[in-house]
């Protein structure tokens, strides 16, 4: 059974939250499945993902943290070899 979202929020670490806002990140990888479909708020976590910043050749500090930064629609979820892919 799929659950329609209602005032739910998803915490995403930077720089991934920024990539979602820009529309360049369309898949969120999680260890758990979700039955939630629909629009949810997303929150930029206060803890940055340091390796992702290194890979981008950027330093933490240039993106919003600790706040709601937007909304995203979860349109699907499927099992992957390393967990689950939440399609945004």
PDB file of N, CA and C in Angstrom:
ATOM      1  N   UNK A   1       0.829  -1.171   0.000  1.00  0.00           N
ATOM      2  CA  UNK A   1       0.000   0.000   0.000  1.00  0.00           C
ATOM      3  C   UNK A   1       0.885   1.252   0.000  1.00  0.00           C
ATOM      4  N   UNK A   2       0.617   2.176  -0.891  1.00  0.00           N
ATOM      5  CA  UNK A   2       1.351   3.431  -0.962  1.00  0.00           C
ATOM      6  C   UNK A   2       0.651   4.470  -0.101  1.00  0.00           C
ATOM      7  N   UNK A   3       1.438   5.278   0.578  1.00  0.00           N
ATOM      8  CA  UNK A   3       0.917   6.310   1.462  1.00  0.00           C
ATOM      9  C   UNK A   3       1.109   7.660   0.798  1.00  0.00           C
ATOM     10  N   UNK A   4       0.063   8.448   0.739  1.00  0.00           N
ATOM     11  CA  UNK A   4       0.152   9.804   0.188  1.00  0.00           C
ATOM     12  C   UNK A   4       0.775  10.701   1.244  1.00  0.00           C
ATOM     13  N   UNK A   5       1.787  11.461   0.851  1.00  0.00           N
ATOM     14  CA  UNK A   5       2.486  12.318   1.813  1.00  0.00           C
ATOM     15  C   UNK A   5       1.611  13.488   2.250  1.00  0.00           C
ATOM     16  N   UNK A   6       1.794  13.890   3.487  1.00  0.00           N
ATOM     17  CA  UNK A   6       1.083  15.048   4.012  1.00  0.00           C
ATOM     18  C   UNK A   6       1.961  15.681   5.093  1.00  0.00           C
ATOM     19  N   UNK A   7       2.545  16.813   4.784  1.00  0.00           N
ATOM     20  CA  UNK A   7       3.396  17.554   5.718  1.00  0.00           C
ATOM     21  C   UNK A   7       4.544  16.715   6.268  1.00  0.00           C
ATOM     22  N   UNK A   8       5.184  15.957   5.401  1.00  0.00           N
ATOM     23  CA  UNK A   8       6.349  15.173   5.789  1.00  0.00           C
ATOM     24  C   UNK A   8       7.606  15.870   5.301  1.00  0.00           C
ATOM     25  N   UNK A   9       8.730  15.605   5.973  1.00  0.00           N
ATOM     26  CA  UNK A   9       9.999  16.190   5.559  1.00  0.00           C
ATOM     27  C   UNK A   9      11.067  15.111   5.496  1.00  0.00           C
ATOM     28  N   UNK A  10      11.972  15.293   4.581  1.00  0.00           N
ATOM     29  CA  UNK A  10      13.090  14.377   4.360  1.00  0.00           C
ATOM     30  C   UNK A  10      14.367  15.158   4.621  1.00  0.00           C
ATOM     31  N   UNK A  11      15.235  14.631   5.465  1.00  0.00           N
ATOM     32  CA  UNK A  11      16.503  15.291   5.762  1.00  0.00           C
ATOM     33  C   UNK A  11      17.548  14.833   4.749  1.00  0.00           C
ATOM     34  N   UNK A  12      18.200  15.798   4.103  1.00  0.00           N
ATOM     35  CA  UNK A  12      19.213  15.517   3.081  1.00  0.00           C
ATOM     36  C   UNK A  12      20.468  16.313   3.438  1.00  0.00           C
ATOM     37  N   UNK A  13      21.613  15.671   3.358  1.00  0.00           N
ATOM     38  CA  UNK A  13      22.874  16.349   3.646  1.00  0.00           C
ATOM     39  C   UNK A  13      23.306  17.196   2.451  1.00  0.00           C
ATOM     40  N   UNK A  14      23.979  18.284   2.730  1.00  0.00           N
ATOM     41  CA  UNK A  14      24.573  19.084   1.668  1.00  0.00           C
ATOM     42  C   UNK A  14      25.842  18.379   1.212  1.00  0.00           C
ATOM     43  N   UNK A  15      26.188  18.414  -0.041  1.00  0.00           N
ATOM     44  CA  UNK A  15      25.664  19.222  -1.132  1.00  0.00           C
ATOM     45  C   UNK A  15      24.493  18.585  -1.883  1.00  0.00           C
ATOM     46  N   UNK A  16      24.014  17.439  -1.399  1.00  0.00           N
ATOM     47  CA  UNK A  16      22.941  16.743  -2.108  1.00  0.00           C
ATOM     48  C   UNK A  16      21.635  17.548  -2.130  1.00  0.00           C
ATOM     49  N   UNK A  17      21.328  18.254  -1.038  1.00  0.00           N
ATOM     50  CA  UNK A  17      20.118  19.072  -1.006  1.00  0.00           C
ATOM     51  C   UNK A  17      20.173  20.147  -2.102  1.00  0.00           C
ATOM     52  N   UNK A  18      21.332  20.737  -2.284  1.00  0.00           N
ATOM     53  CA  UNK A  18      21.502  21.753  -3.331  1.00  0.00           C
ATOM     54  C   UNK A  18      21.324  21.136  -4.721  1.00  0.00           C
ATOM     55  N   UNK A  19      21.843  19.941  -4.916  1.00  0.00           N
ATOM     56  CA  UNK A  19      21.696  19.269  -6.211  1.00  0.00           C
ATOM     57  C   UNK A  19      20.238  18.950  -6.506  1.00  0.00           C
ATOM     58  N   UNK A  20      19.475  18.580  -5.484  1.00  0.00           N
ATOM     59  CA  UNK A  20      18.039  18.330  -5.669  1.00  0.00           C
ATOM     60  C   UNK A  20      17.343  19.634  -6.037  1.00  0.00           C
ATOM     61  N   UNK A  21      17.682  20.726  -5.341  1.00  0.00           N
ATOM     62  CA  UNK A  21      17.067  22.020  -5.648  1.00  0.00           C
ATOM     63  C   UNK A  21      17.332  22.437  -7.092  1.00  0.00           C
ATOM     64  N   UNK A  22      18.526  22.150  -7.587  1.00  0.00           N
ATOM     65  CA  UNK A  22      18.901  22.530  -8.959  1.00  0.00           C
ATOM     66  C   UNK A  22      18.360  21.564 -10.003  1.00  0.00           C
ATOM     67  N   UNK A  23      17.816  20.442  -9.554  1.00  0.00           N
ATOM     68  CA  UNK A  23      17.253  19.470 -10.486  1.00  0.00           C
ATOM     69  C   UNK A  23      18.262  18.515 -11.088  1.00  0.00           C
ATOM     70  N   UNK A  24      19.479  18.491 -10.552  1.00  0.00           N
ATOM     71  CA  UNK A  24      20.515  17.603 -11.089  1.00  0.00           C
ATOM     72  C   UNK A  24      20.582  16.265 -10.358  1.00  0.00           C
ATOM     73  N   UNK A  25      19.951  16.158  -9.211  1.00  0.00           N
ATOM     74  CA  UNK A  25      19.891  14.886  -8.467  1.00  0.00           C
ATOM     75  C   UNK A  25      18.455  14.404  -8.481  1.00  0.00           C
ATOM     76  N   UNK A  26      18.211  13.280  -9.133  1.00  0.00           N
ATOM     77  CA  UNK A  26      16.850  12.767  -9.299  1.00  0.00           C
ATOM     78  C   UNK A  26      16.619  11.464  -8.538  1.00  0.00           C
ATOM     79  N   UNK A  27      17.678  10.900  -7.965  1.00  0.00           N
ATOM     80  CA  UNK A  27      17.580   9.655  -7.191  1.00  0.00           C
ATOM     81  C   UNK A  27      18.206   9.896  -5.826  1.00  0.00           C
ATOM     82  N   UNK A  28      17.498   9.494  -4.780  1.00  0.00           N
ATOM     83  CA  UNK A  28      18.025   9.542  -3.420  1.00  0.00           C
ATOM     84  C   UNK A  28      18.222   8.105  -2.972  1.00  0.00           C
ATOM     85  N   UNK A  29      19.431   7.777  -2.546  1.00  0.00           N
ATOM     86  CA  UNK A  29      19.752   6.416  -2.122  1.00  0.00           C
ATOM     87  C   UNK A  29      19.573   6.306  -0.618  1.00  0.00           C
ATOM     88  N   UNK A  30      18.786   5.324  -0.205  1.00  0.00           N
ATOM     89  CA  UNK A  30      18.491   5.106   1.215  1.00  0.00           C
ATOM     90  C   UNK A  30      18.626   3.629   1.551  1.00  0.00           C
ATOM     91  N   UNK A  31      18.799   3.329   2.829  1.00  0.00           N
ATOM     92  CA  UNK A  31      18.886   1.944   3.297  1.00  0.00           C
ATOM     93  C   UNK A  31      17.521   1.316   3.511  1.00  0.00           C
ATOM     94  N   UNK A  32      16.466   2.138   3.463  1.00  0.00           N
ATOM     95  CA  UNK A  32      15.126   1.634   3.728  1.00  0.00           C
ATOM     96  C   UNK A  32      14.195   1.924   2.561  1.00  0.00           C
ATOM     97  N   UNK A  33      13.197   1.098   2.428  1.00  0.00           N
ATOM     98  CA  UNK A  33      12.153   1.270   1.427  1.00  0.00           C
ATOM     99  C   UNK A  33      11.202   2.370   1.901  1.00  0.00           C
ATOM    100  N   UNK A  34      10.458   2.948   0.973  1.00  0.00           N
ATOM    101  CA  UNK A  34       9.417   3.892   1.361  1.00  0.00           C
ATOM    102  C   UNK A  34       8.129   3.574   0.631  1.00  0.00           C
ATOM    103  N   UNK A  35       7.033   3.746   1.316  1.00  0.00           N
ATOM    104  CA  UNK A  35       5.711   3.626   0.704  1.00  0.00           C
ATOM    105  C   UNK A  35       5.093   5.005   0.496  1.00  0.00           C
ATOM    106  N   UNK A  36       5.887   6.036   0.743  1.00  0.00           N
ATOM    107  CA  UNK A  36       5.399   7.405   0.611  1.00  0.00           C
ATOM    108  C   UNK A  36       5.560   7.877  -0.821  1.00  0.00           C
ATOM    109  N   UNK A  37       4.486   8.375  -1.383  1.00  0.00           N
ATOM    110  CA  UNK A  37       4.508   8.980  -2.710  1.00  0.00           C
ATOM    111  C   UNK A  37       3.918  10.376  -2.592  1.00  0.00           C
ATOM    112  N   UNK A  38       4.455  11.304  -3.352  1.00  0.00           N
ATOM    113  CA  UNK A  38       3.923  12.661  -3.357  1.00  0.00           C
ATOM    114  C   UNK A  38       4.955  13.669  -2.917  1.00  0.00           C
ATOM    115  N   UNK A  39       4.488  14.883  -2.752  1.00  0.00           N
ATOM    116  CA  UNK A  39       5.369  16.005  -2.427  1.00  0.00           C
ATOM    117  C   UNK A  39       5.686  16.020  -0.940  1.00  0.00           C
ATOM    118  N   UNK A  40       6.977  16.160  -0.633  1.00  0.00           N
ATOM    119  CA  UNK A  40       7.456  16.284   0.741  1.00  0.00           C
ATOM    120  C   UNK A  40       8.411  17.477   0.814  1.00  0.00           C
ATOM    121  N   UNK A  41       8.518  18.052   1.993  1.00  0.00           N
ATOM    122  CA  UNK A  41       9.524  19.083   2.216  1.00  0.00           C
ATOM    123  C   UNK A  41      10.879  18.399   2.300  1.00  0.00           C
ATOM    124  N   UNK A  42      11.943  19.133   1.979  1.00  0.00           N
ATOM    125  CA  UNK A  42      13.241  18.584   2.297  1.00  0.00           C
ATOM    126  C   UNK A  42      14.076  19.615   3.022  1.00  0.00           C
ATOM    127  N   UNK A  43      14.793  19.072   3.984  1.00  0.00           N
ATOM    128  CA  UNK A  43      15.535  19.825   4.983  1.00  0.00           C
ATOM    129  C   UNK A  43      17.016  19.621   4.723  1.00  0.00           C
ATOM    130  N   UNK A  44      17.785  20.704   4.679  1.00  0.00           N
ATOM    131  CA  UNK A  44      19.240  20.609   4.531  1.00  0.00           C
ATOM    132  C   UNK A  44      19.839  20.368   5.913  1.00  0.00           C
ATOM    133  N   UNK A  45      20.329  19.174   6.104  1.00  0.00           N
ATOM    134  CA  UNK A  45      20.910  18.769   7.381  1.00  0.00           C
ATOM    135  C   UNK A  45      22.077  19.675   7.759  1.00  0.00           C
ATOM    136  N   UNK A  46      22.341  19.779   9.058  1.00  0.00           N
ATOM    137  CA  UNK A  46      23.474  20.578   9.536  1.00  0.00           C
ATOM    138  C   UNK A  46      24.809  19.870   9.327  1.00  0.00           C
ATOM    139  N   UNK A  47      24.767  18.559   9.092  1.00  0.00           N
ATOM    140  CA  UNK A  47      25.990  17.784   8.908  1.00  0.00           C
ATOM    141  C   UNK A  47      26.275  17.612   7.420  1.00  0.00           C
ATOM    142  N   UNK A  48      27.354  18.215   6.915  1.00  0.00           N
ATOM    143  CA  UNK A  48      27.655  18.070   5.490  1.00  0.00           C
ATOM    144  C   UNK A  48      28.236  16.694   5.179  1.00  0.00           C
ATOM    145  N   UNK A  49      28.141  16.301   3.929  1.00  0.00           N
ATOM    146  CA  UNK A  49      28.752  15.063   3.455  1.00  0.00           C
ATOM    147  C   UNK A  49      30.114  15.455   2.877  1.00  0.00           C
ATOM    148  N   UNK A  50      31.146  15.376   3.703  1.00  0.00           N
ATOM    149  CA  UNK A  50      32.463  15.911   3.352  1.00  0.00           C
ATOM    150  C   UNK A  50      33.055  15.277   2.091  1.00  0.00           C
ATOM    151  N   UNK A  51      32.888  13.978   1.929  1.00  0.00           N
ATOM    152  CA  UNK A  51      33.448  13.322   0.734  1.00  0.00           C
ATOM    153  C   UNK A  51      32.792  13.814  -0.545  1.00  0.00           C
ATOM    154  N   UNK A  52      31.497  14.112  -0.474  1.00  0.00           N
ATOM    155  CA  UNK A  52      30.806  14.625  -1.658  1.00  0.00           C
ATOM    156  C   UNK A  52      31.335  16.009  -2.016  1.00  0.00           C
ATOM    157  N   UNK A  53      31.617  16.833  -1.012  1.00  0.00           N
ATOM    158  CA  UNK A  53      32.196  18.151  -1.280  1.00  0.00           C
ATOM    159  C   UNK A  53      33.582  18.000  -1.899  1.00  0.00           C
ATOM    160  N   UNK A  54      34.390  17.068  -1.370  1.00  0.00           N
ATOM    161  CA  UNK A  54      35.728  16.837  -1.923  1.00  0.00           C
ATOM    162  C   UNK A  54      35.638  16.409  -3.384  1.00  0.00           C
ATOM    163  N   UNK A  55      34.701  15.529  -3.682  1.00  0.00           N
ATOM    164  CA  UNK A  55      34.512  15.050  -5.050  1.00  0.00           C
ATOM    165  C   UNK A  55      34.121  16.202  -5.989  1.00  0.00           C
ATOM    166  N   UNK A  56      33.354  17.161  -5.466  1.00  0.00           N
ATOM    167  CA  UNK A  56      32.938  18.320  -6.253  1.00  0.00           C
ATOM    168  C   UNK A  56      34.013  19.404  -6.294  1.00  0.00           C
ATOM    169  N   UNK A  57      35.112  19.187  -5.529  1.00  0.00           N
ATOM    170  CA  UNK A  57      36.183  20.180  -5.396  1.00  0.00           C
ATOM    171  C   UNK A  57      35.648  21.497  -4.833  1.00  0.00           C
ATOM    172  N   UNK A  58      34.766  21.353  -3.824  1.00  0.00           N
ATOM    173  CA  UNK A  58      34.179  22.499  -3.130  1.00  0.00           C
ATOM    174  C   UNK A  58      34.373  22.289  -1.637  1.00  0.00           C
ATOM    175  N   UNK A  59      34.147  23.339  -0.880  1.00  0.00           N
ATOM    176  CA  UNK A  59      34.246  23.263   0.576  1.00  0.00           C
ATOM    177  C   UNK A  59      32.877  23.518   1.190  1.00  0.00           C
ATOM    178  N   UNK A  60      32.565  22.810   2.297  1.00  0.00           N
ATOM    179  CA  UNK A  60      31.298  23.076   2.977  1.00  0.00           C
ATOM    180  C   UNK A  60      31.232  24.537   3.421  1.00  0.00           C
ATOM    181  N   UNK A  61      30.049  25.087   3.442  1.00  0.00           N
ATOM    182  CA  UNK A  61      29.878  26.447   3.916  1.00  0.00           C
ATOM    183  C   UNK A  61      29.152  27.354   2.938  1.00  0.00           C
ATOM    184  N   UNK A  62      29.093  26.964   1.685  1.00  0.00           N
ATOM    185  CA  UNK A  62      28.451  27.807   0.694  1.00  0.00           C
ATOM    186  C   UNK A  62      26.977  27.524   0.485  1.00  0.00           C
ATOM    187  N   UNK A  63      26.442  26.505   1.141  1.00  0.00           N
ATOM    188  CA  UNK A  63      25.053  26.107   0.953  1.00  0.00           C
ATOM    189  C   UNK A  63      24.291  26.215   2.272  1.00  0.00           C
ATOM    190  N   UNK A  64      22.978  26.406   2.181  1.00  0.00           N
ATOM    191  CA  UNK A  64      22.133  26.484   3.371  1.00  0.00           C
ATOM    192  C   UNK A  64      22.170  25.175   4.153  1.00  0.00           C
ATOM    193  N   UNK A  65      22.157  25.269   5.471  1.00  0.00           N
ATOM    194  CA  UNK A  65      22.064  24.091   6.342  1.00  0.00           C
ATOM    195  C   UNK A  65      21.118  24.406   7.495  1.00  0.00           C
ATOM    196  N   UNK A  66      20.503  23.369   8.035  1.00  0.00           N
ATOM    197  CA  UNK A  66      19.642  23.524   9.203  1.00  0.00           C
ATOM    198  C   UNK A  66      18.303  24.184   8.922  1.00  0.00           C
ATOM    199  N   UNK A  67      17.857  24.170   7.660  1.00  0.00           N
ATOM    200  CA  UNK A  67      16.595  24.809   7.290  1.00  0.00           C
ATOM    201  C   UNK A  67      15.866  23.976   6.236  1.00  0.00           C
ATOM    202  N   UNK A  68      14.549  24.206   6.124  1.00  0.00           N
ATOM    203  CA  UNK A  68      13.804  23.650   5.003  1.00  0.00           C
ATOM    204  C   UNK A  68      14.223  24.425   3.764  1.00  0.00           C
ATOM    205  N   UNK A  69      14.575  23.714   2.697  1.00  0.00           N
ATOM    206  CA  UNK A  69      15.064  24.405   1.503  1.00  0.00           C
ATOM    207  C   UNK A  69      14.130  24.272   0.309  1.00  0.00           C
ATOM    208  N   UNK A  70      13.150  23.396   0.395  1.00  0.00           N
ATOM    209  CA  UNK A  70      12.231  23.262  -0.725  1.00  0.00           C
ATOM    210  C   UNK A  70      11.330  22.064  -0.572  1.00  0.00           C
ATOM    211  N   UNK A  71      10.711  21.707  -1.684  1.00  0.00           N
ATOM    212  CA  UNK A  71       9.892  20.492  -1.726  1.00  0.00           C
ATOM    213  C   UNK A  71      10.369  19.647  -2.893  1.00  0.00           C
ATOM    214  N   UNK A  72      10.081  18.378  -2.786  1.00  0.00           N
ATOM    215  CA  UNK A  72      10.419  17.431  -3.836  1.00  0.00           C
ATOM    216  C   UNK A  72       9.306  16.390  -3.881  1.00  0.00           C
ATOM    217  N   UNK A  73       9.059  15.849  -5.043  1.00  0.00           N
ATOM    218  CA  UNK A  73       8.035  14.820  -5.168  1.00  0.00           C
ATOM    219  C   UNK A  73       8.702  13.453  -5.255  1.00  0.00           C
ATOM    220  N   UNK A  74       8.295  12.555  -4.380  1.00  0.00           N
ATOM    221  CA  UNK A  74       8.755  11.164  -4.443  1.00  0.00           C
ATOM    222  C   UNK A  74       7.780  10.445  -5.371  1.00  0.00           C
ATOM    223  N   UNK A  75       8.284   9.939  -6.489  1.00  0.00           N
ATOM    224  CA  UNK A  75       7.404   9.323  -7.483  1.00  0.00           C
ATOM    225  C   UNK A  75       7.562   7.810  -7.563  1.00  0.00           C
ATOM    226  N   UNK A  76       8.539   7.267  -6.848  1.00  0.00           N
ATOM    227  CA  UNK A  76       8.711   5.821  -6.862  1.00  0.00           C
ATOM    228  C   UNK A  76       9.878   5.395  -6.002  1.00  0.00           C
ATOM    229  N   UNK A  77       9.966   4.091  -5.786  1.00  0.00           N
ATOM    230  CA  UNK A  77      11.049   3.511  -5.001  1.00  0.00           C
ATOM    231  C   UNK A  77      11.276   2.103  -5.505  1.00  0.00           C
ATOM    232  N   UNK A  78      12.556   1.733  -5.690  1.00  0.00           N
ATOM    233  CA  UNK A  78      12.841   0.367  -6.113  1.00  0.00           C
ATOM    234  C   UNK A  78      14.077  -0.160  -5.398  1.00  0.00           C
ATOM    235  N   UNK A  79      14.121  -1.460  -5.263  1.00  0.00           N
ATOM    236  CA  UNK A  79      15.241  -2.143  -4.617  1.00  0.00           C
ATOM    237  C   UNK A  79      16.445  -2.085  -5.532  1.00  0.00           C
ATOM    238  N   UNK A  80      17.609  -1.833  -4.944  1.00  0.00           N
ATOM    239  CA  UNK A  80      18.876  -1.851  -5.664  1.00  0.00           C
ATOM    240  C   UNK A  80      19.845  -2.737  -4.886  1.00  0.00           C
ATOM    241  N   UNK A  81      20.969  -3.062  -5.472  1.00  0.00           N
ATOM    242  CA  UNK A  81      21.911  -3.964  -4.812  1.00  0.00           C
ATOM    243  C   UNK A  81      22.489  -3.371  -3.527  1.00  0.00           C
ATOM    244  N   UNK A  82      22.461  -2.069  -3.370  1.00  0.00           N
ATOM    245  CA  UNK A  82      23.049  -1.383  -2.228  1.00  0.00           C
ATOM    246  C   UNK A  82      22.021  -0.725  -1.325  1.00  0.00           C
ATOM    247  N   UNK A  83      20.759  -1.033  -1.513  1.00  0.00           N
ATOM    248  CA  UNK A  83      19.688  -0.440  -0.713  1.00  0.00           C
ATOM    249  C   UNK A  83      18.473  -0.155  -1.574  1.00  0.00           C
ATOM    250  N   UNK A  84      17.993   1.073  -1.501  1.00  0.00           N
ATOM    251  CA  UNK A  84      16.808   1.472  -2.261  1.00  0.00           C
ATOM    252  C   UNK A  84      17.049   2.790  -2.968  1.00  0.00           C
ATOM    253  N   UNK A  85      16.487   2.895  -4.156  1.00  0.00           N
ATOM    254  CA  UNK A  85      16.524   4.134  -4.932  1.00  0.00           C
ATOM    255  C   UNK A  85      15.176   4.800  -4.830  1.00  0.00           C
ATOM    256  N   UNK A  86      15.146   5.977  -4.233  1.00  0.00           N
ATOM    257  CA  UNK A  86      13.924   6.769  -4.177  1.00  0.00           C
ATOM    258  C   UNK A  86      13.957   7.695  -5.361  1.00  0.00           C
ATOM    259  N   UNK A  87      12.994   7.571  -6.262  1.00  0.00           N
ATOM    260  CA  UNK A  87      12.959   8.396  -7.468  1.00  0.00           C
ATOM    261  C   UNK A  87      12.260   9.707  -7.146  1.00  0.00           C
ATOM    262  N   UNK A  88      12.971  10.807  -7.409  1.00  0.00           N
ATOM    263  CA  UNK A  88      12.466  12.141  -7.099  1.00  0.00           C
ATOM    264  C   UNK A  88      12.007  12.832  -8.377  1.00  0.00           C
TER     265      UNK A  88
END
